[in-house]
Each structure stands twice: as C-alpha cells, then as structure tokens.
Amino acid sequence: MVVPLQPAPLRKSPPTGVFTQPGDQFSNTVPGTSYVITDQVYKQNLFHTDKWIQIAPVDAKGKPDLSRKGWSYWGNSETLTSPNFEAKMQ
C-alpha cells in the first residue's frame, strides 16, 4: 500500500510513449488515505524512466474500491521537489 504525501493527479492512463501525455485527469489523490497498487508500468522518456502506478483507495474494511482506481506518477510532484507517495507497511 501507499499513502499520498500531497495531492497528486489521478489519470485514466499512463503515457503510452516517449512523446505522449498521460490520460485525462479525473480526480486527485487524498493525502493520508491508503491506496493499494493494482498495476505499475515504467515509461521511458528522453532522459530517464518514469514509474507510474495504478492505485485504488482502500475502504474502512481494508478492501480496495476498484471503481475509483486510476494512474498516478510515482516520483516527485510537478511543482514540488518532494515525493508524491510513501510506501506503507501492511
């Protein structure tokens, strides 16, 4: 599981190629909310490889709400130099 440290965009899809944009944003993550990682991909760009994670929020019973899953960038936010997520021990 991961916990957002700051709001991060949730998107319909990660980038599909070197010069493509990620899918449309439909929501933001909520800091302090636990999310389960349901998939992850690594996307090569011109200078490095980016990690994208597909996440779903976890409800009060500890089950992921797959109807609200989306893709988010694992690395630092676009405007800050701090990470978007931290890993949470289960």
C-alpha atoms as a PDB file:
ATOM      1  CA  MET A   1       0.000   0.000   0.000  1.00  0.00           C
ATOM      2  CA  VAL A   2       0.961   3.613  -0.482  1.00  0.00           C
ATOM      3  CA  VAL A   3      -0.129   6.878   1.112  1.00  0.00           C
ATOM      4  CA  PRO A   4      -0.062  10.191  -0.793  1.00  0.00           C
ATOM      5  CA  LEU A   5       2.060  12.867   0.861  1.00  0.00           C
ATOM      6  CA  GLN A   6       0.346  15.579  -1.192  1.00  0.00           C
ATOM      7  CA  PRO A   7      -2.493  15.682  -3.725  1.00  0.00           C
ATOM      8  CA  ALA A   8      -1.417  14.018  -6.969  1.00  0.00           C
ATOM      9  CA  PRO A   9      -3.448  13.752 -10.190  1.00  0.00           C
ATOM     10  CA  LEU A  10      -5.301  10.506 -10.866  1.00  0.00           C
ATOM     11  CA  ARG A  11      -5.456   9.804 -14.596  1.00  0.00           C
ATOM     12  CA  LYS A  12      -7.278   7.366 -16.858  1.00  0.00           C
ATOM     13  CA  SER A  13      -3.986   6.008 -18.242  1.00  0.00           C
ATOM     14  CA  PRO A  14      -0.226   6.492 -18.029  1.00  0.00           C
ATOM     15  CA  PRO A  15       1.677   7.934 -21.005  1.00  0.00           C
ATOM     16  CA  THR A  16       1.797   5.437 -23.860  1.00  0.00           C
ATOM     17  CA  GLY A  17       5.044   6.549 -25.485  1.00  0.00           C
ATOM     18  CA  VAL A  18       8.056   8.828 -25.290  1.00  0.00           C
ATOM     19  CA  PHE A  19       6.218  11.888 -26.610  1.00  0.00           C
ATOM     20  CA  THR A  20       2.683  11.215 -25.384  1.00  0.00           C
ATOM     21  CA  GLN A  21       0.819  12.758 -22.487  1.00  0.00           C
ATOM     22  CA  PRO A  22      -0.864  10.698 -19.752  1.00  0.00           C
ATOM     23  CA  GLY A  23      -4.616  10.139 -19.915  1.00  0.00           C
ATOM     24  CA  ASP A  24      -7.181  12.685 -18.801  1.00  0.00           C
ATOM     25  CA  GLN A  25      -7.169  13.643 -15.139  1.00  0.00           C
ATOM     26  CA  PHE A  26     -10.405  12.694 -13.369  1.00  0.00           C
ATOM     27  CA  SER A  27      -9.510  13.213  -9.708  1.00  0.00           C
ATOM     28  CA  ASN A  28      -6.696  13.762  -7.201  1.00  0.00           C
ATOM     29  CA  THR A  29      -5.318  11.515  -4.510  1.00  0.00           C
ATOM     30  CA  VAL A  30      -6.183  12.434  -0.919  1.00  0.00           C
ATOM     31  CA  PRO A  31      -3.205  12.789   1.450  1.00  0.00           C
ATOM     32  CA  GLY A  32      -3.432  10.405   4.388  1.00  0.00           C
ATOM     33  CA  THR A  33      -5.700   7.940   2.532  1.00  0.00           C
ATOM     34  CA  SER A  34      -4.330   4.439   1.929  1.00  0.00           C
ATOM     35  CA  TYR A  35      -4.217   3.165  -1.651  1.00  0.00           C
ATOM     36  CA  VAL A  36      -3.399  -0.295  -2.944  1.00  0.00           C
ATOM     37  CA  ILE A  37      -1.209  -0.612  -6.038  1.00  0.00           C
ATOM     38  CA  THR A  38      -3.072  -2.646  -8.665  1.00  0.00           C
ATOM     39  CA  ASP A  39      -0.548  -2.259 -11.503  1.00  0.00           C
ATOM     40  CA  GLN A  40       2.637  -0.407 -12.379  1.00  0.00           C
ATOM     41  CA  VAL A  41       4.480   0.465 -15.554  1.00  0.00           C
ATOM     42  CA  TYR A  42       7.804   2.061 -16.397  1.00  0.00           C
ATOM     43  CA  LYS A  43       7.769   4.630 -19.211  1.00  0.00           C
ATOM     44  CA  GLN A  44      10.953   5.721 -20.942  1.00  0.00           C
ATOM     45  CA  ASN A  45      11.285   9.383 -21.868  1.00  0.00           C
ATOM     46  CA  LEU A  46      14.236  11.189 -23.406  1.00  0.00           C
ATOM     47  CA  PHE A  47      16.284  11.445 -20.222  1.00  0.00           C
ATOM     48  CA  HIS A  48      15.128   8.783 -17.760  1.00  0.00           C
ATOM     49  CA  THR A  49      12.485   6.196 -16.931  1.00  0.00           C
ATOM     50  CA  ASP A  50       9.337   7.200 -15.014  1.00  0.00           C
ATOM     51  CA  LYS A  51       7.362   4.880 -12.774  1.00  0.00           C
ATOM     52  CA  TRP A  52       3.559   5.095 -12.993  1.00  0.00           C
ATOM     53  CA  ILE A  53       1.306   3.236 -10.555  1.00  0.00           C
ATOM     54  CA  GLN A  54      -2.335   2.306 -10.883  1.00  0.00           C
ATOM     55  CA  ILE A  55      -3.903   2.704  -7.458  1.00  0.00           C
ATOM     56  CA  ALA A  56      -7.286   2.271  -5.795  1.00  0.00           C
ATOM     57  CA  PRO A  57      -8.333   3.773  -2.449  1.00  0.00           C
ATOM     58  CA  VAL A  58      -8.877   1.359   0.430  1.00  0.00           C
ATOM     59  CA  ASP A  59     -12.205   1.497   2.281  1.00  0.00           C
ATOM     60  CA  ALA A  60     -12.749   1.257   6.050  1.00  0.00           C
ATOM     61  CA  LYS A  61     -12.789  -2.560   5.834  1.00  0.00           C
ATOM     62  CA  GLY A  62      -9.412  -2.620   4.092  1.00  0.00           C
ATOM     63  CA  LYS A  63     -10.789  -3.511   0.656  1.00  0.00           C
ATOM     64  CA  PRO A  64      -9.784  -1.577  -2.465  1.00  0.00           C
ATOM     65  CA  ASP A  65     -12.501   0.403  -4.247  1.00  0.00           C
ATOM     66  CA  LEU A  66     -11.634  -0.646  -7.802  1.00  0.00           C
ATOM     67  CA  SER A  67     -14.315   1.616  -9.267  1.00  0.00           C
ATOM     68  CA  ARG A  68     -12.138   4.595  -8.241  1.00  0.00           C
ATOM     69  CA  LYS A  69      -8.766   3.322  -9.462  1.00  0.00           C
ATOM     70  CA  GLY A  70      -6.523   5.494 -11.573  1.00  0.00           C
ATOM     71  CA  TRP A  71      -2.934   6.094 -12.681  1.00  0.00           C
ATOM     72  CA  SER A  72      -0.533   8.410 -10.882  1.00  0.00           C
ATOM     73  CA  TYR A  73       3.125   9.312 -11.248  1.00  0.00           C
ATOM     74  CA  TRP A  74       5.245   7.708  -8.517  1.00  0.00           C
ATOM     75  CA  GLY A  75       8.025  10.325  -8.496  1.00  0.00           C
ATOM     76  CA  ASN A  76       8.169  13.898  -7.301  1.00  0.00           C
ATOM     77  CA  SER A  77       5.283  16.256  -7.956  1.00  0.00           C
ATOM     78  CA  GLU A  78       5.392  18.536 -10.967  1.00  0.00           C
ATOM     79  CA  THR A  79       5.607  21.688  -8.823  1.00  0.00           C
ATOM     80  CA  LEU A  80       7.469  20.479  -5.727  1.00  0.00           C
ATOM     81  CA  THR A  81      10.644  18.505  -5.286  1.00  0.00           C
ATOM     82  CA  SER A  82       9.098  16.199  -2.699  1.00  0.00           C
ATOM     83  CA  PRO A  83       7.775  12.714  -3.465  1.00  0.00           C
ATOM     84  CA  ASN A  84       4.085  12.115  -4.198  1.00  0.00           C
ATOM     85  CA  PHE A  85       3.861   8.869  -2.186  1.00  0.00           C
ATOM     86  CA  GLU A  86       5.396   6.872   0.609  1.00  0.00           C
ATOM     87  CA  ALA A  87       5.177   3.120   0.987  1.00  0.00           C
ATOM     88  CA  LYS A  88       3.046   1.909   3.891  1.00  0.00           C
ATOM     89  CA  MET A  89       3.819  -1.326   5.690  1.00  0.00           C
ATOM     90  CA  GLN A  90       0.860  -3.658   5.961  1.00  0.00           C
END
